[in-house]
Protein backbone atom coordinates (compact mmCIF):
# COMPACT_ATOMS: atom_id res chain seq x y z
CA MET A 1 40.86 -1.98 29.96
CA SER A 2 37.20 -1.11 30.95
CA LYS A 3 35.83 -1.71 34.35
CA ARG A 4 33.28 -3.97 34.95
CA LYS A 5 30.55 -4.67 37.70
CA THR A 6 29.14 -8.09 38.52
CA THR A 7 25.41 -8.27 39.34
CA ARG A 8 23.54 -11.50 40.63
CA TYR A 9 20.01 -11.13 39.73
CA VAL A 10 18.65 -14.71 40.39
CA GLN A 11 20.11 -17.86 41.55
CA ASN A 12 21.34 -19.25 38.19
CA ILE A 13 22.14 -15.98 36.27
CA GLU A 14 25.10 -13.63 36.46
CA ILE A 15 25.31 -10.44 34.59
CA GLU A 16 28.76 -8.36 34.17
CA GLU A 17 28.28 -4.95 33.03
CA PHE A 18 30.98 -2.72 31.49
CA GLU A 19 31.66 0.98 31.25
CA ASP A 20 31.12 0.91 27.38
CA GLY A 21 27.50 -0.21 28.01
CA ASN A 22 28.10 -3.83 26.99
CA CYS A 23 27.29 -6.59 29.25
CA ASP A 24 27.87 -10.40 29.36
CA VAL A 25 25.17 -12.89 30.57
CA PHE A 26 26.41 -16.08 32.31
CA VAL A 27 24.08 -19.04 33.02
CA ILE A 28 25.27 -20.98 36.33
CA PRO A 29 24.07 -24.41 36.74
CA GLN A 30 22.49 -25.38 39.92
CA ASP A 31 23.99 -28.16 41.95
CA ASP A 32 20.71 -29.59 42.98
CA ASP A 33 18.76 -29.86 40.04
CA PRO A 34 16.25 -32.59 40.12
CA ASN A 35 15.70 -32.50 36.49
CA ASP A 36 19.11 -33.01 35.60
CA SER A 37 19.53 -36.71 35.06
CA GLU A 38 22.67 -36.66 32.93
CA SER A 39 26.11 -37.18 34.48
CA GLU A 40 29.19 -35.15 34.04
CA ASP A 41 30.76 -37.87 31.72
CA THR A 42 28.06 -37.99 29.30
CA ASP A 43 29.38 -37.11 25.78
CA ASN A 44 26.87 -34.82 24.02
CA SER A 45 29.24 -34.46 20.97
CA GLN A 46 27.00 -36.82 18.65
CA ASN A 47 23.88 -34.46 19.63
CA ASN A 48 25.49 -31.21 18.28
CA MET A 49 24.04 -29.93 14.74
CA GLN A 50 26.63 -29.69 11.98
CA VAL A 51 27.03 -25.93 11.25
CA MET A 52 26.60 -25.46 7.49
CA SER A 53 26.17 -22.31 5.36
CA TYR A 54 22.99 -21.91 3.09
CA SER A 55 25.02 -22.56 -0.10
CA GLU A 56 26.30 -25.87 1.21
CA VAL A 57 22.96 -27.05 2.17
CA LEU A 58 21.65 -26.44 -1.25
CA ASN A 59 24.62 -27.95 -2.97
CA ASN A 60 24.20 -31.13 -0.77
CA TYR A 61 20.55 -31.35 -1.32
CA THR A 62 19.02 -34.26 -3.07
CA GLU A 63 15.59 -35.23 -4.14
CA ASN A 64 15.91 -38.54 -1.77
CA GLN A 65 15.99 -36.19 1.38
CA SER A 66 12.38 -35.39 0.76
CA GLN A 67 11.79 -39.05 1.94
CA LEU A 68 13.51 -38.80 5.25
CA GLU A 69 10.07 -37.88 7.08
CA PRO A 70 7.00 -39.37 5.74
CA GLY A 71 4.34 -36.75 4.57
CA TYR A 72 6.65 -33.96 4.15
CA THR A 73 8.33 -32.81 0.97
CA TYR A 74 10.97 -30.20 0.64
CA ASP A 75 11.02 -27.67 -2.32
CA TRP A 76 13.55 -24.99 -2.70
CA ILE A 77 11.93 -21.82 -3.70
CA ASN A 78 13.19 -18.08 -4.28
CA GLY A 79 14.97 -17.64 -1.09
CA GLU A 80 17.12 -14.61 -1.84
CA LYS A 81 15.55 -11.14 -2.01
CA LYS A 82 15.87 -9.66 -5.57
CA LYS A 83 18.08 -6.35 -5.34
CA SER A 84 17.77 -5.41 -9.02
CA GLN A 85 15.03 -5.52 -11.64
CA LYS A 86 17.53 -7.72 -13.72
CA ASP A 87 17.34 -10.42 -11.24
CA PHE A 88 14.09 -11.69 -12.77
CA TRP A 89 16.02 -12.60 -15.88
CA SER A 90 18.86 -14.20 -13.93
CA LYS A 91 20.08 -17.64 -14.74
CA ASN A 92 20.53 -18.25 -10.98
CA PRO A 93 17.60 -20.43 -9.90
CA LEU A 94 17.27 -18.56 -6.66
CA LEU A 95 17.01 -15.28 -8.33
CA GLY A 96 15.48 -15.76 -11.81
CA CYS A 97 11.55 -15.72 -12.32
CA PRO A 98 10.84 -18.01 -15.45
CA ALA A 99 7.36 -16.79 -15.93
CA ILE A 100 8.44 -13.17 -16.56
CA ALA A 101 11.31 -14.00 -18.49
CA ASN A 102 9.41 -16.18 -20.93
CA ALA A 103 6.79 -13.45 -21.21
CA MET A 104 9.20 -10.67 -22.13
CA SER A 105 12.91 -10.42 -22.54
CA ARG A 106 14.93 -8.00 -20.44
CA ASN A 107 15.91 -5.76 -22.97
CA LYS A 108 12.36 -5.42 -24.21
CA PHE A 109 11.49 -4.38 -20.74
CA LEU A 110 14.17 -1.89 -20.38
CA GLU A 111 13.29 -0.22 -23.75
CA ILE A 112 9.86 -0.03 -22.76
CA LYS A 113 10.70 1.45 -19.38
CA SER A 114 12.90 4.20 -21.04
CA LYS A 115 10.43 5.26 -23.49
CA ILE A 116 7.26 5.83 -21.30
CA LYS A 117 6.23 9.53 -21.37
CA TYR A 118 3.67 10.98 -19.19
CA SER A 119 2.94 14.19 -20.91
CA LYS A 120 3.64 16.31 -24.09
CA SER A 121 5.57 19.49 -24.35
CA GLU A 122 2.24 21.37 -25.07
CA ASP A 123 1.15 20.41 -21.65
CA LYS A 124 3.62 22.44 -19.91
CA ASN A 125 2.15 24.86 -17.31
CA PRO A 126 4.34 27.16 -15.26
CA ASN A 127 1.77 27.42 -12.65
CA ASP A 128 1.50 23.67 -11.98
CA ARG A 129 4.63 21.89 -10.61
CA ALA A 130 3.11 18.61 -11.13
CA TRP A 131 2.32 19.08 -14.84
CA ARG A 132 4.27 16.27 -16.05
CA VAL A 133 1.82 13.68 -14.41
CA ARG A 134 -1.28 15.81 -14.63
CA LYS A 135 -2.63 13.99 -17.76
CA ILE A 136 -2.46 10.56 -16.17
CA PHE A 137 -3.83 11.77 -12.87
CA GLU A 138 -6.74 13.02 -14.76
CA MET A 139 -7.15 9.62 -16.42
CA PHE A 140 -7.11 7.87 -13.30
CA LYS A 141 -9.77 10.12 -11.46
CA THR A 142 -12.13 9.85 -14.52
CA ASN A 143 -11.81 5.98 -14.13
CA SER A 144 -12.17 6.06 -10.45
CA LEU A 145 -15.49 8.27 -10.68
CA GLN A 146 -17.06 6.03 -13.35
CA PHE A 147 -19.29 4.40 -10.54
CA GLY A 148 -19.90 7.73 -8.74
CA PHE A 149 -19.59 8.30 -5.16
CA PHE A 150 -21.26 4.94 -3.50
CA SER A 151 -20.29 6.03 -0.08
CA THR A 152 -21.88 8.80 2.27
CA ALA A 153 -18.88 8.90 4.70
CA LEU A 154 -15.57 10.31 2.89
CA SER A 155 -12.31 10.96 4.64
CA ILE A 156 -9.78 13.46 3.46
CA ASP A 157 -5.95 12.85 4.62
CA GLU A 158 -2.45 12.78 3.22
CA MET A 159 -0.28 10.19 1.75
CA MET A 160 3.32 9.83 1.14
CA VAL A 161 4.81 8.39 -2.13
CA LYS A 162 8.17 7.18 -1.27
CA PHE A 163 10.91 8.95 -3.29
CA HIS A 164 14.64 9.92 -2.39
CA GLY A 165 15.58 11.76 -5.64
CA ARG A 166 15.73 15.37 -6.36
CA THR A 167 12.73 17.35 -7.00
CA ILE A 168 10.96 20.47 -5.84
CA LEU A 169 8.05 18.55 -4.80
CA LEU A 170 10.00 16.51 -2.19
CA GLN A 171 8.63 16.43 1.48
CA PHE A 172 9.88 15.40 4.68
CA MET A 173 7.64 14.10 7.47
CA LYS A 174 9.13 12.40 10.39
CA ASN A 175 5.99 10.70 11.79
CA LYS A 176 5.17 8.76 8.46
CA PRO A 177 6.52 5.33 7.56
CA ALA A 178 7.94 6.88 4.29
CA ARG A 179 9.43 10.08 5.68
CA PHE A 180 10.92 11.28 2.43
CA GLY A 181 8.63 11.43 -0.66
CA ILE A 182 5.99 13.12 -2.59
CA LYS A 183 2.90 14.35 -0.60
CA MET A 184 -0.45 13.55 -1.97
CA TRP A 185 -4.02 14.31 -0.79
CA GLY A 186 -6.52 11.59 -0.97
CA LEU A 187 -10.50 11.37 -0.89
CA CYS A 188 -11.43 7.86 0.14
CA ASN A 189 -14.45 6.06 1.76
CA PRO A 190 -14.06 3.90 4.95
CA GLU A 191 -13.16 0.91 3.03
CA GLY A 192 -10.30 2.55 1.37
CA TYR A 193 -11.59 3.25 -2.27
CA LEU A 194 -9.69 6.29 -3.62
CA PHE A 195 -12.18 8.56 -5.23
CA ASP A 196 -9.99 11.55 -6.02
CA CYS A 197 -6.46 12.46 -5.31
CA ASP A 198 -3.90 15.48 -5.84
CA ILE A 199 -0.19 16.10 -5.40
CA TYR A 200 0.74 18.87 -2.86
CA CYS A 201 2.70 21.46 -4.90
CA GLY A 202 3.70 23.71 -1.91
CA LYS A 203 2.58 26.98 -0.66
CA GLY A 204 5.11 29.10 -2.61
CA LEU A 205 2.98 28.53 -5.72
CA ASN A 206 2.00 31.59 -7.80
CA ILE A 207 -1.95 31.48 -7.53
CA TYR A 208 -2.53 35.04 -8.21
CA SER A 209 -3.19 36.46 -11.73
CA ASP A 210 -2.09 39.90 -12.89
CA ASP A 211 -5.06 41.72 -11.28
CA ASN A 212 -4.34 39.86 -7.94
CA LYS A 213 -7.27 37.50 -8.23
CA ILE A 214 -6.94 34.08 -6.83
CA LYS A 215 -6.81 31.59 -9.53
CA LEU A 216 -8.13 28.54 -7.25
CA SER A 217 -9.85 26.96 -10.07
CA LYS A 218 -6.85 26.64 -12.28
CA CYS A 219 -3.86 25.93 -9.74
CA PRO A 220 -3.22 22.51 -8.41
CA LEU A 221 -3.77 21.63 -4.84
CA GLY A 222 -1.53 23.23 -2.33
CA SER A 223 -1.41 24.77 1.31
CA ARG A 224 -3.42 27.60 0.35
CA VAL A 225 -6.31 25.46 -0.72
CA VAL A 226 -6.09 22.91 1.71
CA MET A 227 -3.68 23.56 4.83
CA MET A 228 -5.11 27.08 5.27
CA MET A 229 -8.76 25.64 5.46
CA THR A 230 -8.87 22.09 6.69
CA GLN A 231 -9.91 21.85 10.44
CA ASN A 232 -11.28 25.43 10.25
CA PRO A 233 -14.70 26.56 11.54
CA ASP A 234 -15.20 28.58 8.31
CA LEU A 235 -14.76 25.39 6.12
CA MET A 236 -17.22 23.54 8.37
CA ILE A 237 -19.91 26.20 7.93
CA HIS A 238 -19.33 26.38 4.27
CA LEU A 239 -19.65 22.74 3.50
CA LYS A 240 -22.96 22.65 5.63
CA THR A 241 -24.44 25.49 3.54
CA ILE A 242 -23.96 23.29 0.40
CA GLY A 243 -25.47 20.20 2.05
CA LEU A 244 -22.20 18.57 3.31
CA LYS A 245 -21.94 17.77 6.96
CA SER A 246 -18.27 17.08 8.20
CA THR A 247 -16.47 16.21 11.65
CA GLY A 248 -12.71 16.63 12.10
CA THR A 249 -10.25 17.29 14.69
CA VAL A 250 -9.04 20.86 15.31
CA ARG A 251 -5.92 22.52 16.98
CA LYS A 252 -6.15 25.15 19.62
CA ASN A 253 -4.98 28.03 17.31
CA ARG A 254 -7.57 27.28 14.81
CA VAL A 255 -10.53 28.38 17.06
CA GLN A 256 -10.98 31.64 18.82
CA THR A 257 -12.60 30.19 22.00
CA ASP A 258 -11.30 27.36 24.01
CA ASN A 259 -12.75 24.30 26.04
CA LYS A 260 -10.84 24.32 29.21
CA LEU A 261 -10.32 20.96 31.00
CA ASP A 262 -8.25 20.38 34.10
CA ASN A 263 -5.12 18.37 33.51
CA LYS A 264 -6.07 16.12 36.11
CA ALA A 265 -9.47 15.44 34.57
CA SER A 266 -10.55 11.72 34.40
CA ARG A 267 -10.92 10.11 31.02
CA GLY A 268 -14.45 10.83 29.52
CA THR A 269 -14.65 14.21 30.81
CA ILE A 270 -16.54 16.47 28.29
CA ALA A 271 -16.44 20.15 27.53
CA VAL A 272 -18.94 21.46 24.78
CA LYS A 273 -19.64 24.78 22.90
CA HIS A 274 -22.39 25.13 20.24
CA GLU A 275 -23.06 27.91 17.89
CA LYS A 276 -26.75 27.94 17.38
CA LYS A 277 -26.76 30.08 13.96
CA SER A 278 -24.37 27.80 12.15
CA GLY A 279 -25.04 24.41 14.10
CA LEU A 280 -21.31 24.00 14.77
CA ASN A 281 -20.25 22.01 17.85
CA PHE A 282 -16.98 22.39 19.47
CA ILE A 283 -16.09 19.30 21.59
CA THR A 284 -13.34 18.52 23.90
CA VAL A 285 -12.96 15.19 25.56
CA MET A 286 -10.28 13.77 27.88
CA ASP A 287 -8.78 10.65 26.56
CA SER A 288 -5.07 10.09 27.38
CA GLN A 289 -4.72 13.71 26.35
CA PRO A 290 -7.41 16.20 25.59
CA VAL A 291 -8.92 15.78 22.25
CA SER A 292 -10.94 18.42 20.29
CA LEU A 293 -13.28 18.21 17.36
CA LEU A 294 -15.45 20.22 15.14
CA SER A 295 -18.62 18.77 13.79
CA THR A 296 -21.80 19.58 12.01
CA ALA A 297 -22.83 16.18 11.76
CA ALA A 298 -23.00 14.96 15.47
CA GLY A 299 -22.94 16.12 18.95
CA VAL A 300 -22.58 14.85 22.28
CA GLU A 301 -25.50 12.33 22.56
CA PRO A 302 -25.99 9.47 22.21
CA LEU A 303 -22.98 8.53 24.23
CA ALA A 304 -21.29 5.22 23.14
CA LYS A 305 -18.82 3.29 25.31
CA ARG A 306 -15.29 2.63 24.21
CA LYS A 307 -12.71 0.24 25.99
CA ARG A 308 -9.84 1.91 27.57
CA TYR A 309 -6.96 0.56 29.60
CA SER A 310 -6.45 1.93 33.06
CA LYS A 311 -2.93 1.74 34.62
CA ASN A 312 -4.32 2.37 38.19
CA LEU A 313 -6.95 -0.31 38.03
CA GLN A 314 -4.84 -2.67 35.76
CA SER A 315 -7.66 -3.55 33.88
CA THR A 316 -9.79 -2.52 30.78
CA ASN A 317 -12.72 -0.23 31.28
CA GLU A 318 -15.55 1.09 29.25
CA ILE A 319 -15.83 4.92 29.22
CA PRO A 320 -18.63 6.89 27.36
CA PHE A 321 -17.46 9.03 24.70
CA PRO A 322 -19.47 11.68 22.64
CA SER A 323 -21.31 10.71 19.46
CA ALA A 324 -18.97 13.07 17.45
CA ILE A 325 -15.82 11.07 18.53
CA ASN A 326 -17.55 7.67 17.45
CA VAL A 327 -18.39 9.09 14.18
CA TYR A 328 -15.10 10.18 13.74
CA ASN A 329 -13.52 6.85 14.72
CA ASP A 330 -15.96 4.72 12.76
CA PHE A 331 -15.47 6.44 9.46
CA MET A 332 -11.94 7.96 9.50
CA GLY A 333 -8.85 6.02 8.35
CA GLY A 334 -9.97 5.22 4.89
CA VAL A 335 -6.89 7.05 3.36
CA ASP A 336 -4.62 5.35 5.78
CA MET A 337 -6.15 2.02 4.83
CA HIS A 338 -5.56 2.81 1.01
CA ASP A 339 -2.01 3.90 1.54
CA GLU A 340 -1.52 0.55 3.59
CA HIS A 341 -2.75 -1.59 0.65
CA CYS A 342 -0.35 0.32 -1.73
CA SER A 343 2.53 -0.02 0.59
CA ASN A 344 1.71 -3.73 0.59
CA LEU A 345 2.12 -3.71 -3.44
CA MET A 346 5.59 -1.72 -3.26
CA PRO A 347 7.72 -2.70 -6.19
CA PHE A 348 11.41 -2.38 -5.94
CA ILE A 349 11.84 -1.18 -9.65
CA ARG A 350 13.43 2.28 -9.34
CA ALA A 351 14.19 5.22 -11.37
CA LYS A 352 15.82 8.46 -10.90
CA LYS A 353 12.87 10.72 -12.05
CA TRP A 354 9.96 11.55 -9.73
CA THR A 355 7.48 10.75 -12.46
CA TRP A 356 8.18 6.94 -12.11
CA PRO A 357 7.07 6.56 -8.56
CA MET A 358 3.82 8.49 -9.20
CA PHE A 359 3.11 6.27 -12.15
CA LEU A 360 3.49 3.43 -9.98
CA ARG A 361 1.37 4.77 -7.22
CA LEU A 362 -1.40 5.10 -9.76
CA ILE A 363 -0.95 1.56 -10.59
CA GLN A 364 -1.10 0.58 -6.88
CA SER A 365 -4.07 2.78 -6.20
CA SER A 366 -5.94 1.06 -9.14
CA LEU A 367 -5.32 -2.35 -7.87
CA THR A 368 -6.57 -1.11 -4.47
CA ASN A 369 -9.66 0.14 -5.78
CA ALA A 370 -10.37 -3.05 -7.74
CA LEU A 371 -9.61 -4.99 -4.40
CA VAL A 372 -12.19 -2.89 -2.51
CA ILE A 373 -15.04 -3.20 -5.17
CA TYR A 374 -14.39 -7.01 -5.31
CA ASN A 375 -14.59 -7.39 -1.56
CA LEU A 376 -17.78 -5.27 -1.43
CA SER A 377 -19.46 -7.16 -4.17
CA HIS A 378 -18.53 -10.49 -2.64
CA SER A 379 -19.99 -11.77 0.56
CA GLY A 380 -17.61 -14.57 0.99
CA GLU A 381 -13.82 -14.64 1.82
CA LYS A 382 -12.04 -11.48 1.27
CA LEU A 383 -9.12 -11.10 -0.72
CA GLY A 384 -5.94 -9.31 0.17
CA SER A 385 -4.00 -6.69 -1.81
CA PHE A 386 -1.27 -9.20 -2.59
CA ASP A 387 -3.79 -11.80 -3.75
CA MET A 388 -5.37 -9.28 -6.13
CA ALA A 389 -2.04 -8.16 -7.57
CA LEU A 390 -1.03 -11.78 -8.11
CA ALA A 391 -4.28 -12.76 -9.96
CA VAL A 392 -3.95 -9.63 -12.17
CA ALA A 393 -0.16 -10.42 -12.96
CA GLU A 394 -0.99 -14.05 -13.40
CA HIS A 395 -3.69 -13.04 -15.87
CA TYR A 396 -1.45 -10.91 -17.94
CA ILE A 397 1.64 -13.42 -17.95
CA ILE A 398 -0.46 -16.26 -19.04
CA LYS A 399 -2.11 -14.25 -21.74
CA LYS A 400 1.32 -13.24 -23.06
CA ALA A 401 2.66 -16.69 -22.85
CA ASP A 402 -0.30 -18.00 -24.92
CA GLU A 403 0.14 -15.48 -27.64
CA LYS A 404 3.87 -16.56 -27.90
CA HIS A 405 2.96 -19.99 -28.16
CA ILE A 406 0.26 -19.41 -30.72
CA LEU A 407 2.92 -17.39 -32.87
CA PHE A 408 4.68 -20.71 -33.13
CA HIS A 409 1.75 -22.59 -34.71
CA GLU A 410 3.09 -23.96 -37.91
CA LYS A 411 1.23 -23.18 -41.07
CA THR A 412 1.76 -25.25 -44.24
CA LYS A 413 0.21 -25.56 -47.77
CA SER A 414 -2.03 -28.41 -48.65
CA GLU A 415 -2.47 -29.85 -52.05
CA GLN A 416 -6.34 -29.57 -51.92
CA LYS A 417 -8.39 -26.56 -51.01
CA LYS A 418 -11.02 -26.97 -48.37
CA ASN A 419 -13.46 -24.62 -46.58
CA CYS A 420 -11.89 -22.21 -44.07
CA LYS A 421 -12.91 -23.23 -40.41
CA ASN A 422 -14.71 -19.75 -40.33
CA PHE A 423 -16.50 -20.43 -43.53
CA THR A 424 -19.87 -19.33 -42.29
CA LYS A 425 -18.34 -15.69 -41.91
CA CYS A 426 -15.63 -15.47 -44.59
CA SER A 427 -17.11 -17.86 -47.12
CA LYS A 428 -13.42 -18.65 -48.43
CA ARG A 429 -11.64 -21.75 -49.46
CA THR A 430 -7.95 -22.11 -48.86
CA THR A 431 -4.89 -24.32 -48.87
CA ASN A 432 -3.55 -23.03 -45.82
CA MET A 433 -3.43 -25.57 -42.97
CA CYS A 434 -2.56 -25.23 -39.29
CA ILE A 435 -0.66 -28.34 -38.40
CA ASP A 436 -1.14 -27.77 -34.57
CA CYS A 437 -4.92 -27.17 -34.93
CA ASP A 438 -5.33 -29.57 -37.64
CA ALA A 439 -7.66 -27.12 -39.40
CA TYR A 440 -7.74 -24.82 -42.59
CA PHE A 441 -7.65 -21.07 -42.27
CA CYS A 442 -7.36 -18.40 -44.58
CA ASP A 443 -4.89 -15.68 -43.95
CA PRO A 444 -7.27 -13.20 -42.22
CA CYS A 445 -8.84 -15.91 -40.23
CA PHE A 446 -5.66 -17.58 -39.38
CA LYS A 447 -4.60 -14.33 -37.36
CA PHE A 448 -8.06 -13.72 -35.99
CA ALA A 449 -8.60 -17.38 -34.70
CA HIS A 450 -5.22 -17.55 -33.11
CA LYS A 451 -5.44 -14.33 -31.48
CA ASN A 452 -8.60 -15.03 -29.61
CA MET A 453 -7.80 -18.67 -28.64
């Protein structure tokens, strides 16, 4: 039997702690409680709420219960989370989705899903580990860039596509919400519009030809293209020579020099080094920890104040930070914002092959890009990613439902010929009559008219 220790924390609370780490909490009523007006003989059994399960409440629920309280109605909606894609066609009212079930049968959906192909056998490339989805990625990037680059501030960062299957592209990042998955690089504006993206294929890729010349123009994006160059002074200088200014955080092992700051330095302490020939600024500022940046777009001045909380003063203070820090904070995070919108549209329809989540990520990114364009072009209330996806799904479901309804329009033969309803274009007389539309159509016009209704 485990030992226990009793501790009195306050007058009416007693806690018993056990050796196994568990504890029991007891509330001891006070003898002299002025707010306690009930006597010890009061029977409270009639005030106890009856314990019922969810299914018992549902089975005992009647429409008359909605009239128990004026102004309130009670509607039972889908209260259980779907755990399988087949639940959409379930006959259980808590799981089934009539809108989807009426638009497409389950067998038709499974057949289409099983036959989706993302590449052809002739597209196989031994130098590209992501060749199976390369075609649809190129199509997505072509559509994303049809409006050009409409933002001057772009951010580059990584995204994780959640996947737990078996693939050589699988990565593990412990600090990401989705720790296991396929890593992608994205180029976004501050609002989260994805201009370009590519799959991280690993540093073990054969990027050399037979004569040891690097095939960077042909190989997919990997660590030798990005990881070795990002946050590097050479990359910053190269971008400036082609007319692109950049700002980014940098690690200590990426620069030969060092901005030394005392560990006890106060917040806002700045150390700066400037290279005159290239115009590169190496800035280190003390925040909660030292933060170092490389920038060819901004320097120290003008200083801008940022709010920080001080534990010693127990208050929020305004501390001046360099201009490069403020530029970085104002325009970074576009990729993270895009990734957040995509995570809000995460479907639970799974597959064993890694190509399926990559295909779904392109659909999520397309919806996110449409959302960003809509919010930028409308000055009123902004839409959310869920609202955009719901509007698109509703459009296609209603369209499919209308098509199925039109297919059931009954066509009959009349005793007399009359002009086709589209007589001005087809110049035909026909005996075919649509009973539902109460109009005459020749065979070609019948299909065309009902298709565009």
